[in-house]
Amino acid sequence: MSLWERHCEACHDGKTVLDGKVVADKGQIKKKYKTLEEFAGACGKSPECMNIVKHEEGLLLKVGAEIGLAPSGKR
């Protein structure tokens, strides 16, 4: 099981609603964030429901790589 599947996919399914908005799915995340660093930085400012992972930059970088984001400078 990937880190994305274990920690993210259940809420980032394009159906889950948080604060009146549908949470972005994997495809939307890939379009919004162009690099791993941008993705990890945004996750660090995420809602409380992501507290279990949002302060784990290494984990977030691995998740971003799993969904196809590249490090800055390697696009």
C-alpha atoms as a PDB file:
ATOM      1  CA  MET A   1       0.000   0.000   0.000  1.00  0.00           C
ATOM      2  CA  SER A   2       1.393   3.395  -0.963  1.00  0.00           C
ATOM      3  CA  LEU A   3       1.675   6.340   1.402  1.00  0.00           C
ATOM      4  CA  TRP A   4      -0.942   8.150  -0.706  1.00  0.00           C
ATOM      5  CA  GLU A   5      -3.354   5.252  -0.236  1.00  0.00           C
ATOM      6  CA  ARG A   6      -2.620   4.968   3.479  1.00  0.00           C
ATOM      7  CA  HIS A   7      -2.688   8.643   4.469  1.00  0.00           C
ATOM      8  CA  CYS A   8      -4.395  10.738   1.794  1.00  0.00           C
ATOM      9  CA  GLU A   9      -6.702   8.972  -0.625  1.00  0.00           C
ATOM     10  CA  ALA A  10      -9.674   8.523   1.729  1.00  0.00           C
ATOM     11  CA  CYS A  11     -10.228  12.285   2.012  1.00  0.00           C
ATOM     12  CA  HIS A  12      -8.656  13.425  -1.284  1.00  0.00           C
ATOM     13  CA  ASP A  13     -11.170  11.495  -3.344  1.00  0.00           C
ATOM     14  CA  GLY A  14     -12.982  14.416  -4.999  1.00  0.00           C
ATOM     15  CA  LYS A  15     -16.101  13.691  -2.900  1.00  0.00           C
ATOM     16  CA  THR A  16     -15.169  14.586   0.674  1.00  0.00           C
ATOM     17  CA  VAL A  17     -16.430  17.995   1.816  1.00  0.00           C
ATOM     18  CA  LEU A  18     -14.516  20.160   4.307  1.00  0.00           C
ATOM     19  CA  ASP A  19     -15.709  23.618   5.327  1.00  0.00           C
ATOM     20  CA  GLY A  20     -18.304  23.570   2.560  1.00  0.00           C
ATOM     21  CA  LYS A  21     -15.814  22.751  -0.225  1.00  0.00           C
ATOM     22  CA  VAL A  22     -14.965  19.480  -1.930  1.00  0.00           C
ATOM     23  CA  VAL A  23     -11.424  18.402  -1.049  1.00  0.00           C
ATOM     24  CA  ALA A  24      -9.111  18.205  -4.092  1.00  0.00           C
ATOM     25  CA  ASP A  25      -8.472  14.786  -5.580  1.00  0.00           C
ATOM     26  CA  LYS A  26      -5.116  13.482  -6.815  1.00  0.00           C
ATOM     27  CA  GLY A  27      -5.513  14.922 -10.317  1.00  0.00           C
ATOM     28  CA  GLN A  28      -6.426  18.359  -9.014  1.00  0.00           C
ATOM     29  CA  ILE A  29      -3.472  18.329  -6.633  1.00  0.00           C
ATOM     30  CA  LYS A  30      -1.103  17.417  -9.484  1.00  0.00           C
ATOM     31  CA  LYS A  31      -2.439  20.340 -11.554  1.00  0.00           C
ATOM     32  CA  LYS A  32      -2.261  22.837  -8.696  1.00  0.00           C
ATOM     33  CA  TYR A  33       1.221  22.073  -7.360  1.00  0.00           C
ATOM     34  CA  LYS A  34       4.059  21.961  -9.859  1.00  0.00           C
ATOM     35  CA  THR A  35       6.828  20.757  -7.530  1.00  0.00           C
ATOM     36  CA  LEU A  36       7.268  18.534  -4.497  1.00  0.00           C
ATOM     37  CA  GLU A  37       8.407  21.494  -2.429  1.00  0.00           C
ATOM     38  CA  GLU A  38       5.367  23.581  -3.340  1.00  0.00           C
ATOM     39  CA  PHE A  39       3.104  20.650  -2.433  1.00  0.00           C
ATOM     40  CA  ALA A  40       4.827  19.972   0.910  1.00  0.00           C
ATOM     41  CA  GLY A  41       4.714  23.678   1.801  1.00  0.00           C
ATOM     42  CA  ALA A  42       0.993  23.863   1.115  1.00  0.00           C
ATOM     43  CA  CYS A  43       0.338  20.742   3.181  1.00  0.00           C
ATOM     44  CA  GLY A  44       2.132  22.374   6.102  1.00  0.00           C
ATOM     45  CA  LYS A  45      -0.584  25.037   6.145  1.00  0.00           C
ATOM     46  CA  SER A  46      -3.433  22.541   5.884  1.00  0.00           C
ATOM     47  CA  PRO A  47      -6.437  22.138   8.209  1.00  0.00           C
ATOM     48  CA  GLU A  48      -6.245  20.389  11.578  1.00  0.00           C
ATOM     49  CA  CYS A  49      -7.565  17.141  10.107  1.00  0.00           C
ATOM     50  CA  MET A  50      -4.148  16.701   8.443  1.00  0.00           C
ATOM     51  CA  ASN A  51      -2.185  17.177  11.686  1.00  0.00           C
ATOM     52  CA  ILE A  52      -1.022  13.551  11.614  1.00  0.00           C
ATOM     53  CA  VAL A  53       1.080  14.203   8.494  1.00  0.00           C
ATOM     54  CA  LYS A  54       1.348  17.944   7.903  1.00  0.00           C
ATOM     55  CA  HIS A  55       4.521  18.399   9.970  1.00  0.00           C
ATOM     56  CA  GLU A  56       6.300  15.458   8.344  1.00  0.00           C
ATOM     57  CA  GLU A  57       8.000  17.082   5.360  1.00  0.00           C
ATOM     58  CA  GLY A  58       9.830  13.901   4.378  1.00  0.00           C
ATOM     59  CA  LEU A  59       6.567  11.973   4.284  1.00  0.00           C
ATOM     60  CA  LEU A  60       4.878  14.708   2.260  1.00  0.00           C
ATOM     61  CA  LEU A  61       7.733  14.725  -0.248  1.00  0.00           C
ATOM     62  CA  LYS A  62       7.373  10.954  -0.653  1.00  0.00           C
ATOM     63  CA  VAL A  63       3.612  11.250  -1.138  1.00  0.00           C
ATOM     64  CA  GLY A  64       4.117  13.996  -3.730  1.00  0.00           C
ATOM     65  CA  ALA A  65       6.588  11.824  -5.604  1.00  0.00           C
ATOM     66  CA  GLU A  66       4.125   8.924  -5.535  1.00  0.00           C
ATOM     67  CA  ILE A  67       1.461  11.018  -7.237  1.00  0.00           C
ATOM     68  CA  GLY A  68       3.881  12.235  -9.889  1.00  0.00           C
ATOM     69  CA  LEU A  69       5.226  15.581  -8.672  1.00  0.00           C
ATOM     70  CA  ALA A  70       8.877  16.327  -9.367  1.00  0.00           C
ATOM     71  CA  PRO A  71      11.426  18.217  -7.283  1.00  0.00           C
ATOM     72  CA  SER A  72      11.986  21.835  -8.276  1.00  0.00           C
ATOM     73  CA  GLY A  73      14.382  22.038 -11.199  1.00  0.00           C
ATOM     74  CA  LYS A  74      13.435  18.560 -12.529  1.00  0.00           C
ATOM     75  CA  ARG A  75      10.206  19.157 -14.414  1.00  0.00           C
END
